[in-house]
Amino acid sequence: MKGIFKFIIVVAGNALALWLAWLYVPGFVLNTADWVQLALVALVLALLNGLLKPILTLVLGPVIILTLGIGILIVNALILWILPTLLNYIDFLRGTVTIQDIPALVYATLIVSAVNFIIHIAA
């Protein structure tokens, strides 16, 4: 029961992080019609973080060690960069997230990483 509650908190935190990135980062576009669609996008992001992040962290481990942990932002940026491409394969989520340029990706990554850091410490 505790694991399910933590996963729900992580999905809610991802929804908050995506909404904050949309609010404050020019070039990060979130085209969701309602909160349900935003929750589904946050669920996909949580699944990407859960499934792909350990693999990317293992592969990029030397980079993360050499940069004293800052390289984990590269992993988070890669996951956030994969998100719109993956969402385009899901019919009812097509075009919900658009990252227009590299600075938008960097700033959105910083926001999503900070919110996820706070959520993982609190939960």
C-alpha atoms as a PDB file:
ATOM      1  CA  MET A   1       0.000   0.000   0.000  1.00  0.00           C
ATOM      2  CA  LYS A   2       2.877   2.333   0.783  1.00  0.00           C
ATOM      3  CA  GLY A   3       4.407   1.792  -2.678  1.00  0.00           C
ATOM      4  CA  ILE A   4       1.162   2.659  -4.453  1.00  0.00           C
ATOM      5  CA  PHE A   5       0.768   5.830  -2.390  1.00  0.00           C
ATOM      6  CA  LYS A   6       4.361   6.849  -3.177  1.00  0.00           C
ATOM      7  CA  PHE A   7       3.772   6.233  -6.913  1.00  0.00           C
ATOM      8  CA  ILE A   8       0.637   8.405  -6.815  1.00  0.00           C
ATOM      9  CA  ILE A   9       2.618  11.168  -5.087  1.00  0.00           C
ATOM     10  CA  VAL A  10       5.360  10.880  -7.746  1.00  0.00           C
ATOM     11  CA  VAL A  11       2.798  11.132 -10.561  1.00  0.00           C
ATOM     12  CA  ALA A  12       1.212  14.174  -8.891  1.00  0.00           C
ATOM     13  CA  GLY A  13       4.670  15.717  -8.473  1.00  0.00           C
ATOM     14  CA  ASN A  14       5.430  15.109 -12.155  1.00  0.00           C
ATOM     15  CA  ALA A  15       2.136  16.771 -13.081  1.00  0.00           C
ATOM     16  CA  LEU A  16       3.065  19.761 -10.933  1.00  0.00           C
ATOM     17  CA  ALA A  17       6.568  19.891 -12.446  1.00  0.00           C
ATOM     18  CA  LEU A  18       5.250  19.762 -16.018  1.00  0.00           C
ATOM     19  CA  TRP A  19       2.699  22.465 -15.231  1.00  0.00           C
ATOM     20  CA  LEU A  20       5.392  24.695 -13.670  1.00  0.00           C
ATOM     21  CA  ALA A  21       7.662  24.140 -16.663  1.00  0.00           C
ATOM     22  CA  TRP A  22       4.815  25.108 -18.994  1.00  0.00           C
ATOM     23  CA  LEU A  23       4.103  28.181 -16.886  1.00  0.00           C
ATOM     24  CA  TYR A  24       7.667  29.506 -16.612  1.00  0.00           C
ATOM     25  CA  VAL A  25       9.665  28.150 -19.575  1.00  0.00           C
ATOM     26  CA  PRO A  26       9.118  29.749 -22.981  1.00  0.00           C
ATOM     27  CA  GLY A  27       9.401  27.053 -25.621  1.00  0.00           C
ATOM     28  CA  PHE A  28       7.979  24.289 -23.421  1.00  0.00           C
ATOM     29  CA  VAL A  29       4.413  23.828 -24.640  1.00  0.00           C
ATOM     30  CA  LEU A  30       1.866  21.722 -22.764  1.00  0.00           C
ATOM     31  CA  ASN A  31      -1.323  21.272 -24.804  1.00  0.00           C
ATOM     32  CA  THR A  32      -3.531  19.409 -22.378  1.00  0.00           C
ATOM     33  CA  ALA A  33      -7.280  19.821 -22.482  1.00  0.00           C
ATOM     34  CA  ASP A  34      -7.894  18.958 -18.832  1.00  0.00           C
ATOM     35  CA  TRP A  35      -6.279  17.630 -15.669  1.00  0.00           C
ATOM     36  CA  VAL A  36      -6.885  14.002 -16.683  1.00  0.00           C
ATOM     37  CA  GLN A  37      -4.721  14.407 -19.770  1.00  0.00           C
ATOM     38  CA  LEU A  38      -2.038  16.131 -17.680  1.00  0.00           C
ATOM     39  CA  ALA A  39      -2.162  13.232 -15.210  1.00  0.00           C
ATOM     40  CA  LEU A  40      -1.714  10.737 -18.057  1.00  0.00           C
ATOM     41  CA  VAL A  41       1.302  12.659 -19.367  1.00  0.00           C
ATOM     42  CA  ALA A  42       2.706  12.714 -15.817  1.00  0.00           C
ATOM     43  CA  LEU A  43       2.077   8.956 -15.574  1.00  0.00           C
ATOM     44  CA  VAL A  44       4.059   8.356 -18.774  1.00  0.00           C
ATOM     45  CA  LEU A  45       6.881  10.536 -17.403  1.00  0.00           C
ATOM     46  CA  ALA A  46       6.856   8.585 -14.129  1.00  0.00           C
ATOM     47  CA  LEU A  47       7.028   5.297 -16.043  1.00  0.00           C
ATOM     48  CA  LEU A  48       9.932   6.613 -18.127  1.00  0.00           C
ATOM     49  CA  ASN A  49      11.698   7.681 -14.938  1.00  0.00           C
ATOM     50  CA  GLY A  50      11.070   4.297 -13.368  1.00  0.00           C
ATOM     51  CA  LEU A  51      12.041   2.132 -16.329  1.00  0.00           C
ATOM     52  CA  LEU A  52      14.549   4.104 -18.390  1.00  0.00           C
ATOM     53  CA  LYS A  53      16.358   6.213 -15.790  1.00  0.00           C
ATOM     54  CA  PRO A  54      18.170   3.274 -14.100  1.00  0.00           C
ATOM     55  CA  ILE A  55      19.448   2.058 -17.481  1.00  0.00           C
ATOM     56  CA  LEU A  56      20.631   5.520 -18.552  1.00  0.00           C
ATOM     57  CA  THR A  57      22.202   6.097 -15.141  1.00  0.00           C
ATOM     58  CA  LEU A  58      24.120   2.835 -15.478  1.00  0.00           C
ATOM     59  CA  VAL A  59      25.288   3.639 -19.006  1.00  0.00           C
ATOM     60  CA  LEU A  60      26.226   7.234 -18.173  1.00  0.00           C
ATOM     61  CA  GLY A  61      27.648   6.340 -14.750  1.00  0.00           C
ATOM     62  CA  PRO A  62      31.216   7.446 -15.552  1.00  0.00           C
ATOM     63  CA  VAL A  63      29.948  10.826 -16.784  1.00  0.00           C
ATOM     64  CA  ILE A  64      27.893  11.240 -13.622  1.00  0.00           C
ATOM     65  CA  ILE A  65      30.902  10.398 -11.462  1.00  0.00           C
ATOM     66  CA  LEU A  66      33.274  12.699 -13.376  1.00  0.00           C
ATOM     67  CA  THR A  67      30.852  15.620 -13.113  1.00  0.00           C
ATOM     68  CA  LEU A  68      30.276  14.938  -9.403  1.00  0.00           C
ATOM     69  CA  GLY A  69      26.577  14.201  -9.874  1.00  0.00           C
ATOM     70  CA  ILE A  70      25.684  17.015 -12.252  1.00  0.00           C
ATOM     71  CA  GLY A  71      25.595  14.437 -15.063  1.00  0.00           C
ATOM     72  CA  ILE A  72      22.283  13.172 -13.707  1.00  0.00           C
ATOM     73  CA  LEU A  73      20.801  16.306 -15.275  1.00  0.00           C
ATOM     74  CA  ILE A  74      21.888  14.869 -18.630  1.00  0.00           C
ATOM     75  CA  VAL A  75      19.902  11.724 -17.833  1.00  0.00           C
ATOM     76  CA  ASN A  76      16.873  13.797 -16.848  1.00  0.00           C
ATOM     77  CA  ALA A  77      17.198  15.888 -20.012  1.00  0.00           C
ATOM     78  CA  LEU A  78      17.329  12.743 -22.142  1.00  0.00           C
ATOM     79  CA  ILE A  79      14.173  11.414 -20.501  1.00  0.00           C
ATOM     80  CA  LEU A  80      12.396  14.732 -20.956  1.00  0.00           C
ATOM     81  CA  TRP A  81      13.567  14.840 -24.581  1.00  0.00           C
ATOM     82  CA  ILE A  82      12.188  11.311 -25.210  1.00  0.00           C
ATOM     83  CA  LEU A  83       8.818  12.168 -23.633  1.00  0.00           C
ATOM     84  CA  PRO A  84       7.253  14.115 -26.574  1.00  0.00           C
ATOM     85  CA  THR A  85       8.408  11.472 -29.054  1.00  0.00           C
ATOM     86  CA  LEU A  86       6.871   8.698 -26.981  1.00  0.00           C
ATOM     87  CA  LEU A  87       3.640  10.642 -26.463  1.00  0.00           C
ATOM     88  CA  ASN A  88       3.240  11.023 -30.230  1.00  0.00           C
ATOM     89  CA  TYR A  89       2.797   7.230 -30.428  1.00  0.00           C
ATOM     90  CA  ILE A  90      -0.121   7.347 -27.972  1.00  0.00           C
ATOM     91  CA  ASP A  91      -3.128   8.479 -29.976  1.00  0.00           C
ATOM     92  CA  PHE A  92      -5.014  10.566 -27.399  1.00  0.00           C
ATOM     93  CA  LEU A  93      -1.795  12.157 -26.047  1.00  0.00           C
ATOM     94  CA  ARG A  94      -0.350  13.149 -29.443  1.00  0.00           C
ATOM     95  CA  GLY A  95       1.032  16.691 -29.390  1.00  0.00           C
ATOM     96  CA  THR A  96       0.462  17.285 -25.685  1.00  0.00           C
ATOM     97  CA  VAL A  97       4.106  18.138 -24.954  1.00  0.00           C
ATOM     98  CA  THR A  98       6.339  20.097 -27.316  1.00  0.00           C
ATOM     99  CA  ILE A  99       9.882  21.216 -26.551  1.00  0.00           C
ATOM    100  CA  GLN A 100      10.831  23.811 -29.141  1.00  0.00           C
ATOM    101  CA  ASP A 101      14.542  24.340 -28.526  1.00  0.00           C
ATOM    102  CA  ILE A 102      17.520  23.344 -26.385  1.00  0.00           C
ATOM    103  CA  PRO A 103      17.259  26.185 -23.805  1.00  0.00           C
ATOM    104  CA  ALA A 104      13.630  25.205 -23.193  1.00  0.00           C
ATOM    105  CA  LEU A 105      14.784  21.606 -22.638  1.00  0.00           C
ATOM    106  CA  VAL A 106      17.492  22.731 -20.209  1.00  0.00           C
ATOM    107  CA  TYR A 107      15.221  24.988 -18.150  1.00  0.00           C
ATOM    108  CA  ALA A 108      12.382  22.459 -18.115  1.00  0.00           C
ATOM    109  CA  THR A 109      14.853  19.794 -17.012  1.00  0.00           C
ATOM    110  CA  LEU A 110      15.994  21.986 -14.115  1.00  0.00           C
ATOM    111  CA  ILE A 111      12.405  22.579 -12.987  1.00  0.00           C
ATOM    112  CA  VAL A 112      11.319  18.945 -13.320  1.00  0.00           C
ATOM    113  CA  SER A 113      14.497  17.736 -11.583  1.00  0.00           C
ATOM    114  CA  ALA A 114      14.061  20.171  -8.683  1.00  0.00           C
ATOM    115  CA  VAL A 115      10.420  19.220  -8.141  1.00  0.00           C
ATOM    116  CA  ASN A 116      11.222  15.491  -8.372  1.00  0.00           C
ATOM    117  CA  PHE A 117      14.085  15.948  -5.902  1.00  0.00           C
ATOM    118  CA  ILE A 118      11.742  17.611  -3.403  1.00  0.00           C
ATOM    119  CA  ILE A 119       9.038  14.975  -3.930  1.00  0.00           C
ATOM    120  CA  HIS A 120      11.458  12.079  -3.444  1.00  0.00           C
ATOM    121  CA  ILE A 121      12.817  13.598  -0.253  1.00  0.00           C
ATOM    122  CA  ALA A 122       9.343  14.230   1.148  1.00  0.00           C
ATOM    123  CA  ALA A 123       7.773  10.887   0.192  1.00  0.00           C
END
